[in-house]
Amino acid sequence: MSDLEKAAKDAVDAAANTEHLALIAAVLQAQQLTQQQAAPPAPVQQSSDSAAKWIGIGVGGSVFLLTVAVSAVAVAISAVALTICVLVLRSMWRDMQKGKGR
């Protein structure tokens, strides 16, 4: 094989390699484009919404607990008043039964 034939063969091989490299580069670019288009945008979460939510939950819970506490105090006062009323009425009933009420 002469130098001219070797050079021609090397030129053909180089051209084939160039075509392969160009094809590989085109495939890589196509993959990058499809990945960029297919990737959904990341959801953006605002921390102020989260903080406002927890502040609202805290305020709502506090109002609920305050309402329950006031209701519990009202029930306790009513129970004491009812107990005193029943004891007074029982005492009056016993006095009337014994004849002391006249």
C-alpha atoms as a PDB file:
ATOM      1  CA  MET A   1       0.000   0.000   0.000  1.00  0.00           C
ATOM      2  CA  SER A   2       1.498   3.303  -1.039  1.00  0.00           C
ATOM      3  CA  ASP A   3       1.536   6.494   0.935  1.00  0.00           C
ATOM      4  CA  LEU A   4      -1.114   7.934  -1.320  1.00  0.00           C
ATOM      5  CA  GLU A   5      -3.434   4.993  -0.725  1.00  0.00           C
ATOM      6  CA  LYS A   6      -2.817   5.222   3.041  1.00  0.00           C
ATOM      7  CA  ALA A   7      -3.610   8.919   3.005  1.00  0.00           C
ATOM      8  CA  ALA A   8      -6.792   8.320   1.000  1.00  0.00           C
ATOM      9  CA  LYS A   9      -7.876   5.576   3.395  1.00  0.00           C
ATOM     10  CA  ASP A  10      -7.137   7.807   6.408  1.00  0.00           C
ATOM     11  CA  ALA A  11      -9.133  10.615   4.810  1.00  0.00           C
ATOM     12  CA  VAL A  12     -12.123   8.288   4.268  1.00  0.00           C
ATOM     13  CA  ASP A  13     -11.868   7.044   7.872  1.00  0.00           C
ATOM     14  CA  ALA A  14     -11.631  10.608   9.171  1.00  0.00           C
ATOM     15  CA  ALA A  15     -14.704  11.578   7.145  1.00  0.00           C
ATOM     16  CA  ALA A  16     -16.612   8.588   8.555  1.00  0.00           C
ATOM     17  CA  ASN A  17     -15.514   9.478  12.090  1.00  0.00           C
ATOM     18  CA  THR A  18     -16.603  13.061  11.521  1.00  0.00           C
ATOM     19  CA  GLU A  19     -20.013  11.873  10.382  1.00  0.00           C
ATOM     20  CA  HIS A  20     -20.312   9.607  13.445  1.00  0.00           C
ATOM     21  CA  LEU A  21     -19.283  12.427  15.763  1.00  0.00           C
ATOM     22  CA  ALA A  22     -21.756  14.794  14.143  1.00  0.00           C
ATOM     23  CA  LEU A  23     -24.515  12.186  14.498  1.00  0.00           C
ATOM     24  CA  ILE A  24     -23.637  11.612  18.173  1.00  0.00           C
ATOM     25  CA  ALA A  25     -23.621  15.372  18.816  1.00  0.00           C
ATOM     26  CA  ALA A  26     -27.057  15.712  17.165  1.00  0.00           C
ATOM     27  CA  VAL A  27     -28.472  12.878  19.298  1.00  0.00           C
ATOM     28  CA  LEU A  28     -27.102  14.457  22.481  1.00  0.00           C
ATOM     29  CA  GLN A  29     -28.600  17.826  21.588  1.00  0.00           C
ATOM     30  CA  ALA A  30     -31.965  16.217  20.859  1.00  0.00           C
ATOM     31  CA  GLN A  31     -31.897  14.467  24.228  1.00  0.00           C
ATOM     32  CA  GLN A  32     -31.086  17.700  26.006  1.00  0.00           C
ATOM     33  CA  LEU A  33     -33.954  19.505  24.285  1.00  0.00           C
ATOM     34  CA  THR A  34     -36.469  16.788  25.146  1.00  0.00           C
ATOM     35  CA  GLN A  35     -35.307  16.710  28.764  1.00  0.00           C
ATOM     36  CA  GLN A  36     -35.631  20.479  29.056  1.00  0.00           C
ATOM     37  CA  GLN A  37     -39.132  20.416  27.600  1.00  0.00           C
ATOM     38  CA  ALA A  38     -40.278  17.384  29.611  1.00  0.00           C
ATOM     39  CA  ALA A  39     -39.053  18.625  32.971  1.00  0.00           C
ATOM     40  CA  PRO A  40     -41.968  20.305  34.765  1.00  0.00           C
ATOM     41  CA  PRO A  41     -41.197  23.507  36.613  1.00  0.00           C
ATOM     42  CA  ALA A  42     -40.589  23.063  40.292  1.00  0.00           C
ATOM     43  CA  PRO A  43     -43.518  24.245  42.434  1.00  0.00           C
ATOM     44  CA  VAL A  44     -42.796  27.454  44.278  1.00  0.00           C
ATOM     45  CA  GLN A  45     -43.930  27.458  47.865  1.00  0.00           C
ATOM     46  CA  GLN A  46     -44.168  30.684  49.753  1.00  0.00           C
ATOM     47  CA  SER A  47     -43.141  30.499  53.364  1.00  0.00           C
ATOM     48  CA  SER A  48     -45.409  33.418  54.271  1.00  0.00           C
ATOM     49  CA  ASP A  49     -48.486  31.355  53.372  1.00  0.00           C
ATOM     50  CA  SER A  50     -47.284  28.563  55.622  1.00  0.00           C
ATOM     51  CA  ALA A  51     -46.595  30.971  58.475  1.00  0.00           C
ATOM     52  CA  ALA A  52     -49.989  32.627  58.056  1.00  0.00           C
ATOM     53  CA  LYS A  53     -51.644  29.216  58.114  1.00  0.00           C
ATOM     54  CA  TRP A  54     -49.984  28.261  61.382  1.00  0.00           C
ATOM     55  CA  ILE A  55     -50.733  31.650  62.949  1.00  0.00           C
ATOM     56  CA  GLY A  56     -54.385  31.204  61.972  1.00  0.00           C
ATOM     57  CA  ILE A  57     -54.440  27.724  63.475  1.00  0.00           C
ATOM     58  CA  GLY A  58     -52.901  29.049  66.688  1.00  0.00           C
ATOM     59  CA  VAL A  59     -55.402  31.900  66.987  1.00  0.00           C
ATOM     60  CA  GLY A  60     -58.326  29.591  66.213  1.00  0.00           C
ATOM     61  CA  GLY A  61     -57.142  27.053  68.764  1.00  0.00           C
ATOM     62  CA  SER A  62     -56.720  29.747  71.399  1.00  0.00           C
ATOM     63  CA  VAL A  63     -60.224  31.072  70.802  1.00  0.00           C
ATOM     64  CA  PHE A  64     -61.609  27.530  71.002  1.00  0.00           C
ATOM     65  CA  LEU A  65     -59.795  26.797  74.275  1.00  0.00           C
ATOM     66  CA  LEU A  66     -60.923  30.119  75.736  1.00  0.00           C
ATOM     67  CA  THR A  67     -64.524  29.311  74.815  1.00  0.00           C
ATOM     68  CA  VAL A  68     -64.246  25.862  76.409  1.00  0.00           C
ATOM     69  CA  ALA A  69     -62.708  27.349  79.579  1.00  0.00           C
ATOM     70  CA  VAL A  70     -65.441  29.991  79.916  1.00  0.00           C
ATOM     71  CA  SER A  71     -68.090  27.334  79.332  1.00  0.00           C
ATOM     72  CA  ALA A  72     -66.509  25.102  81.984  1.00  0.00           C
ATOM     73  CA  VAL A  73     -66.544  27.976  84.501  1.00  0.00           C
ATOM     74  CA  ALA A  74     -70.191  28.711  83.682  1.00  0.00           C
ATOM     75  CA  VAL A  75     -71.119  25.040  84.179  1.00  0.00           C
ATOM     76  CA  ALA A  76     -69.250  24.940  87.510  1.00  0.00           C
ATOM     77  CA  ILE A  77     -71.018  28.088  88.777  1.00  0.00           C
ATOM     78  CA  SER A  78     -74.375  26.685  87.685  1.00  0.00           C
ATOM     79  CA  ALA A  79     -73.666  23.389  89.472  1.00  0.00           C
ATOM     80  CA  VAL A  80     -72.783  25.179  92.718  1.00  0.00           C
ATOM     81  CA  ALA A  81     -75.885  27.393  92.511  1.00  0.00           C
ATOM     82  CA  LEU A  82     -78.125  24.392  91.800  1.00  0.00           C
ATOM     83  CA  THR A  83     -76.613  22.461  94.711  1.00  0.00           C
ATOM     84  CA  ILE A  84     -77.229  25.368  97.120  1.00  0.00           C
ATOM     85  CA  CYS A  85     -80.781  25.767  95.814  1.00  0.00           C
ATOM     86  CA  VAL A  86     -81.515  22.045  96.264  1.00  0.00           C
ATOM     87  CA  LEU A  87     -80.092  22.045  99.793  1.00  0.00           C
ATOM     88  CA  VAL A  88     -82.175  25.081 100.797  1.00  0.00           C
ATOM     89  CA  LEU A  89     -85.346  23.601  99.321  1.00  0.00           C
ATOM     90  CA  ARG A  90     -84.674  20.256 101.060  1.00  0.00           C
ATOM     91  CA  SER A  91     -84.193  22.008 104.367  1.00  0.00           C
ATOM     92  CA  MET A  92     -87.440  23.946 103.887  1.00  0.00           C
ATOM     93  CA  TRP A  93     -89.280  20.742 102.940  1.00  0.00           C
ATOM     94  CA  ARG A  94     -88.070  18.973 106.108  1.00  0.00           C
ATOM     95  CA  ASP A  95     -89.088  21.931 108.239  1.00  0.00           C
ATOM     96  CA  MET A  96     -92.560  21.902 106.685  1.00  0.00           C
ATOM     97  CA  GLN A  97     -92.894  18.164 107.235  1.00  0.00           C
ATOM     98  CA  LYS A  98     -92.023  18.526 110.926  1.00  0.00           C
ATOM     99  CA  GLY A  99     -94.488  21.365 111.397  1.00  0.00           C
ATOM    100  CA  LYS A 100     -91.947  23.988 112.266  1.00  0.00           C
ATOM    101  CA  GLY A 101     -92.734  26.142 109.312  1.00  0.00           C
ATOM    102  CA  ARG A 102     -95.989  27.555 110.837  1.00  0.00           C
END
